[in-house]
Amino acid sequence: MKVNNVWAYLMVVLASLAVLVGCGGTKQNLAATQPVELNVSAAVSMKDALTEIQKNYQAKHPNVTILYNLGSSGTLQRQIEQGAPADLFISAAAKQMDDLDAKNLIQKQTRQNLVQNQLVMIVPKNSSLGLQKYEDLAKDTVKKFSIGEPDTVPAGQYAQQVLKHLELWDKVKAKAVLSKDVRTVLAYVETGNVEAGIVYSTDAVISDKVQVVSAAPTGSHKPIVYPAAVLSGAKQPKMAEEYLAYLAGPEAKAVFEKYGFTILK
């Protein structure tokens, strides 16, 4: 009887351990599948690529919902400074990221450059003005052209740098229609509201209503690099790091290249 009692006691203990282990595994599984919302503030010029990447990522991680807040990098920067919910920030220029870094609003160790872009001058597809280069913006036939607002829109900052480099800015700034973001510049050219615009090559490639007439001369503007970083106030810092790693990985890079971005070596 004593032996039987010992075996019975051991069986109870083993059964209890199995239950505890099982409960722990269940808790881990529940944690792994718990619904998560990830807020990403990103430059609107990345819209099409990020939308496709979002679908690919969520197909593999159905518990994760990625919420994009797309706009000009300067506007997004101000929103973050004012406490807008964001876990990850992707800027179209280093300046906005540097400003947030100076205020300790990003996790410095997570910062990395994702992709590069190019600046181009576009005109409506049916334009008959024969514009071929940036210097043509000074012609009398050009009444209005559009760039992003240089104070808040990186594409506008780069465009202004090009025009100043070519000693054109003072000659043409009165004609400039300053837009809230680069996609608005594209829309103005598509609709013929302006005779020309300066956008990223990735914006031009998605439209069949415009044509590229000139690329920005080499050395006429700062390199167009897109830095990304997890924010100090992130509610989902680990998930933000995981998504950032995915954005820097081969699957996302293939999508970025598809939409005309240049991958950093």
Protein backbone atom coordinates (compact mmCIF):
# COMPACT_ATOMS: atom_id res chain seq x y z
CA MET A 1 0.00 0.00 0.00
CA LYS A 2 2.81 2.34 0.76
CA VAL A 3 4.35 1.80 -2.68
CA ASN A 4 0.99 2.34 -4.28
CA ASN A 5 0.52 5.56 -2.30
CA VAL A 6 3.92 6.84 -3.46
CA TRP A 7 3.09 6.13 -7.08
CA ALA A 8 -0.30 7.78 -6.72
CA TYR A 9 1.34 10.86 -5.20
CA LEU A 10 3.91 11.01 -8.04
CA MET A 11 1.16 10.74 -10.65
CA VAL A 12 -0.69 13.67 -9.06
CA VAL A 13 2.49 15.80 -9.03
CA LEU A 14 3.28 14.96 -12.65
CA ALA A 15 -0.27 15.74 -13.70
CA SER A 16 -0.12 19.08 -11.91
CA LEU A 17 3.17 19.96 -13.62
CA ALA A 18 1.70 19.09 -17.00
CA VAL A 19 -1.23 21.41 -16.37
CA LEU A 20 1.09 24.23 -15.31
CA VAL A 21 3.30 23.81 -18.37
CA GLY A 22 0.24 23.67 -20.56
CA CYS A 23 -1.13 26.87 -19.05
CA GLY A 24 2.20 28.61 -19.57
CA GLY A 25 2.26 27.59 -23.22
CA THR A 26 -1.31 28.78 -23.63
CA LYS A 27 -0.43 32.14 -22.14
CA GLN A 28 2.54 32.45 -24.50
CA ASN A 29 0.38 31.51 -27.48
CA LEU A 30 -2.23 34.03 -26.41
CA ALA A 31 0.45 36.69 -26.11
CA ALA A 32 1.75 35.84 -29.58
CA THR A 33 -1.72 36.17 -31.12
CA GLN A 34 -2.95 39.13 -29.08
CA PRO A 35 -4.25 41.88 -31.41
CA VAL A 36 -1.75 44.72 -31.78
CA GLU A 37 -2.15 48.12 -33.43
CA LEU A 38 1.05 49.68 -34.74
CA ASN A 39 0.97 53.41 -35.55
CA VAL A 40 3.41 54.41 -38.28
CA SER A 41 3.92 58.05 -39.32
CA ALA A 42 5.56 58.07 -42.75
CA ALA A 43 6.38 60.38 -45.64
CA VAL A 44 3.50 60.37 -48.13
CA SER A 45 5.91 59.75 -51.01
CA MET A 46 6.19 56.17 -49.70
CA LYS A 47 2.42 55.61 -49.79
CA ASP A 48 2.18 53.04 -52.58
CA ALA A 49 5.17 50.98 -51.52
CA LEU A 50 4.14 51.00 -47.85
CA THR A 51 0.58 49.98 -48.71
CA GLU A 52 1.82 46.86 -50.49
CA ILE A 53 4.32 46.11 -47.72
CA GLN A 54 1.52 46.50 -45.17
CA LYS A 55 -0.60 43.85 -46.93
CA ASN A 56 2.32 41.44 -47.18
CA TYR A 57 3.25 41.86 -43.52
CA GLN A 58 -0.28 41.57 -42.15
CA ALA A 59 -0.84 38.40 -44.20
CA LYS A 60 1.99 36.81 -42.21
CA HIS A 61 1.07 38.51 -38.93
CA PRO A 62 -2.76 38.57 -38.81
CA ASN A 63 -2.73 39.77 -35.20
CA VAL A 64 -0.97 43.00 -36.22
CA THR A 65 -2.88 45.96 -37.66
CA ILE A 66 -0.63 48.63 -39.15
CA LEU A 67 -2.14 52.11 -39.11
CA TYR A 68 -0.39 54.61 -41.38
CA ASN A 69 -0.41 58.36 -40.87
CA LEU A 70 0.94 59.72 -44.16
CA GLY A 71 1.91 63.33 -44.81
CA SER A 72 4.79 65.71 -45.27
CA SER A 73 7.70 64.88 -42.98
CA GLY A 74 7.63 68.33 -41.38
CA THR A 75 3.95 68.06 -40.53
CA LEU A 76 4.45 64.57 -39.09
CA GLN A 77 7.38 65.85 -37.04
CA ARG A 78 5.22 68.55 -35.48
CA GLN A 79 2.46 66.05 -34.73
CA ILE A 80 4.93 63.79 -32.94
CA GLU A 81 6.31 66.73 -30.96
CA GLN A 82 2.75 67.57 -29.91
CA GLY A 83 2.13 64.03 -28.66
CA ALA A 84 0.32 62.38 -31.56
CA PRO A 85 0.25 58.57 -31.19
CA ALA A 86 3.10 57.04 -33.20
CA ASP A 87 5.34 54.04 -32.71
CA LEU A 88 7.55 54.41 -35.79
CA PHE A 89 8.55 57.43 -37.89
CA ILE A 90 9.83 57.34 -41.47
CA SER A 91 10.99 60.69 -42.81
CA ALA A 92 11.87 61.74 -46.36
CA ALA A 93 14.87 63.69 -45.05
CA ALA A 94 17.36 63.58 -42.22
CA LYS A 95 16.42 67.05 -40.92
CA GLN A 96 13.09 66.07 -39.37
CA MET A 97 14.59 62.99 -37.76
CA ASP A 98 17.53 65.03 -36.47
CA ASP A 99 15.13 67.53 -34.90
CA LEU A 100 13.24 64.76 -33.09
CA ASP A 101 16.54 63.20 -32.03
CA ALA A 102 17.65 66.51 -30.52
CA LYS A 103 14.51 66.48 -28.38
CA ASN A 104 15.04 62.84 -27.32
CA LEU A 105 11.86 61.78 -29.08
CA ILE A 106 13.37 58.81 -30.91
CA GLN A 107 15.17 55.70 -29.72
CA LYS A 108 18.58 56.55 -31.12
CA GLN A 109 19.81 52.97 -31.37
CA THR A 110 16.96 52.02 -33.73
CA ARG A 111 17.60 54.76 -36.29
CA GLN A 112 18.59 53.59 -39.78
CA ASN A 113 18.37 54.75 -43.38
CA LEU A 114 15.95 52.66 -45.44
CA VAL A 115 16.01 53.87 -49.06
CA GLN A 116 17.00 56.70 -51.38
CA ASN A 117 15.07 58.65 -54.02
CA GLN A 118 15.63 61.00 -56.96
CA LEU A 119 14.22 64.43 -57.78
CA VAL A 120 12.69 65.11 -61.19
CA MET A 121 10.85 67.86 -63.04
CA ILE A 122 7.51 66.83 -64.54
CA VAL A 123 4.96 68.38 -66.90
CA PRO A 124 1.44 67.33 -67.96
CA LYS A 125 1.43 64.47 -70.45
CA ASN A 126 -0.17 66.66 -73.11
CA SER A 127 2.06 69.71 -72.51
CA SER A 128 2.95 71.60 -75.68
CA LEU A 129 5.39 74.06 -74.08
CA GLY A 130 8.48 72.03 -74.91
CA LEU A 131 9.95 72.29 -71.42
CA GLN A 132 13.12 70.18 -71.18
CA LYS A 133 15.18 71.44 -68.24
CA TYR A 134 14.89 73.31 -64.96
CA GLU A 135 16.11 76.53 -66.58
CA ASP A 136 12.95 76.51 -68.70
CA LEU A 137 10.92 77.41 -65.60
CA ALA A 138 12.16 80.97 -66.12
CA LYS A 139 10.46 81.20 -69.53
CA ASP A 140 7.47 83.51 -69.93
CA THR A 141 5.36 80.57 -71.12
CA VAL A 142 5.54 79.11 -67.62
CA LYS A 143 3.04 81.01 -65.50
CA LYS A 144 2.99 78.64 -62.51
CA PHE A 145 4.93 75.64 -61.30
CA SER A 146 4.62 73.74 -58.06
CA ILE A 147 6.96 72.44 -55.37
CA GLY A 148 6.37 71.34 -51.81
CA GLU A 149 6.46 73.97 -49.08
CA PRO A 150 10.22 74.10 -48.35
CA ASP A 151 9.71 74.70 -44.62
CA THR A 152 7.82 71.44 -44.07
CA VAL A 153 8.10 69.27 -47.20
CA PRO A 154 11.48 67.62 -47.86
CA ALA A 155 10.78 67.38 -51.60
CA GLY A 156 10.23 71.14 -51.56
CA GLN A 157 13.47 71.66 -49.66
CA TYR A 158 15.36 69.61 -52.23
CA ALA A 159 13.63 71.45 -55.09
CA GLN A 160 14.59 74.81 -53.63
CA GLN A 161 18.18 73.62 -53.26
CA VAL A 162 18.27 72.68 -56.94
CA LEU A 163 16.83 76.00 -58.06
CA LYS A 164 19.27 77.93 -55.89
CA HIS A 165 22.16 75.81 -57.15
CA LEU A 166 21.16 76.70 -60.73
CA GLU A 167 20.74 80.38 -59.72
CA LEU A 168 17.09 80.22 -60.70
CA TRP A 169 15.23 80.64 -57.39
CA ASP A 170 15.15 84.43 -57.33
CA LYS A 171 13.96 84.44 -60.96
CA VAL A 172 11.12 81.94 -60.54
CA LYS A 173 10.00 82.03 -56.89
CA ALA A 174 7.10 84.38 -57.71
CA LYS A 175 5.67 81.65 -59.95
CA ALA A 176 6.01 78.90 -57.33
CA VAL A 177 2.83 77.31 -55.98
CA LEU A 178 3.87 75.87 -52.62
CA SER A 179 2.03 72.66 -51.75
CA LYS A 180 1.36 70.83 -48.48
CA ASP A 181 3.07 67.64 -49.70
CA VAL A 182 4.66 66.12 -52.79
CA ARG A 183 1.53 64.22 -53.85
CA THR A 184 -0.35 67.53 -54.06
CA VAL A 185 2.36 68.80 -56.43
CA LEU A 186 1.77 65.70 -58.57
CA ALA A 187 -1.98 66.33 -58.57
CA TYR A 188 -1.53 69.97 -59.66
CA VAL A 189 0.55 68.85 -62.65
CA GLU A 190 -1.82 66.00 -63.53
CA THR A 191 -4.78 68.40 -63.68
CA GLY A 192 -2.89 71.09 -65.59
CA ASN A 193 -3.28 73.64 -62.81
CA VAL A 194 0.43 74.32 -63.18
CA GLU A 195 2.75 73.99 -66.17
CA ALA A 196 5.37 71.99 -64.27
CA GLY A 197 6.29 70.52 -60.90
CA ILE A 198 9.23 69.07 -59.05
CA VAL A 199 8.62 65.71 -57.37
CA TYR A 200 10.36 62.46 -56.54
CA SER A 201 10.86 60.00 -59.37
CA THR A 202 8.75 57.52 -57.38
CA ASP A 203 5.80 59.92 -57.57
CA ALA A 204 6.17 60.43 -61.31
CA VAL A 205 6.29 56.70 -62.04
CA ILE A 206 2.84 56.02 -60.56
CA SER A 207 1.07 58.52 -62.85
CA ASP A 208 0.19 58.15 -66.54
CA LYS A 209 -0.86 61.80 -66.68
CA VAL A 210 2.60 63.33 -66.40
CA GLN A 211 5.97 62.96 -68.07
CA VAL A 212 9.46 63.45 -66.68
CA VAL A 213 11.45 66.05 -68.60
CA SER A 214 14.55 66.38 -66.46
CA ALA A 215 16.33 64.84 -63.48
CA ALA A 216 17.98 67.12 -60.93
CA PRO A 217 21.65 67.69 -61.82
CA THR A 218 24.13 65.66 -59.78
CA GLY A 219 25.26 67.54 -56.71
CA SER A 220 22.49 70.13 -56.91
CA HIS A 221 20.80 69.00 -53.69
CA LYS A 222 21.49 67.00 -50.57
CA PRO A 223 21.15 63.20 -50.89
CA ILE A 224 17.52 62.12 -50.62
CA VAL A 225 17.60 59.53 -47.85
CA TYR A 226 14.68 58.14 -45.84
CA PRO A 227 15.62 57.54 -42.18
CA ALA A 228 13.38 55.54 -39.86
CA ALA A 229 13.35 55.13 -36.08
CA VAL A 230 11.21 53.84 -33.23
CA LEU A 231 9.86 56.71 -31.17
CA SER A 232 10.60 57.21 -27.48
CA GLY A 233 6.88 57.39 -26.73
CA ALA A 234 6.01 54.24 -28.65
CA LYS A 235 3.25 52.15 -27.07
CA GLN A 236 4.41 49.12 -29.05
CA PRO A 237 8.22 49.50 -29.11
CA LYS A 238 9.04 45.81 -29.66
CA MET A 239 6.55 45.45 -32.48
CA ALA A 240 7.81 48.70 -34.00
CA GLU A 241 11.36 47.30 -33.96
CA GLU A 242 10.16 44.08 -35.58
CA TYR A 243 8.36 45.99 -38.33
CA LEU A 244 11.36 48.23 -38.90
CA ALA A 245 13.52 45.13 -39.28
CA TYR A 246 11.03 43.83 -41.84
CA LEU A 247 11.14 47.13 -43.74
CA ALA A 248 14.92 46.78 -43.94
CA GLY A 249 14.70 43.14 -45.02
CA PRO A 250 14.71 41.54 -48.49
CA GLU A 251 10.92 41.22 -48.97
CA ALA A 252 10.25 44.90 -48.28
CA LYS A 253 13.32 45.99 -50.26
CA ALA A 254 11.94 44.22 -53.33
CA VAL A 255 8.71 46.22 -53.00
CA PHE A 256 10.58 49.50 -52.54
CA GLU A 257 12.59 48.79 -55.70
CA LYS A 258 9.39 47.96 -57.57
CA TYR A 259 8.14 51.48 -56.85
CA GLY A 260 11.37 53.15 -57.94
CA PHE A 261 13.25 53.61 -54.67
CA THR A 262 16.99 52.95 -54.56
CA ILE A 263 18.18 50.53 -51.92
CA LEU A 264 21.13 51.61 -49.83
CA LYS A 265 24.16 49.36 -50.12
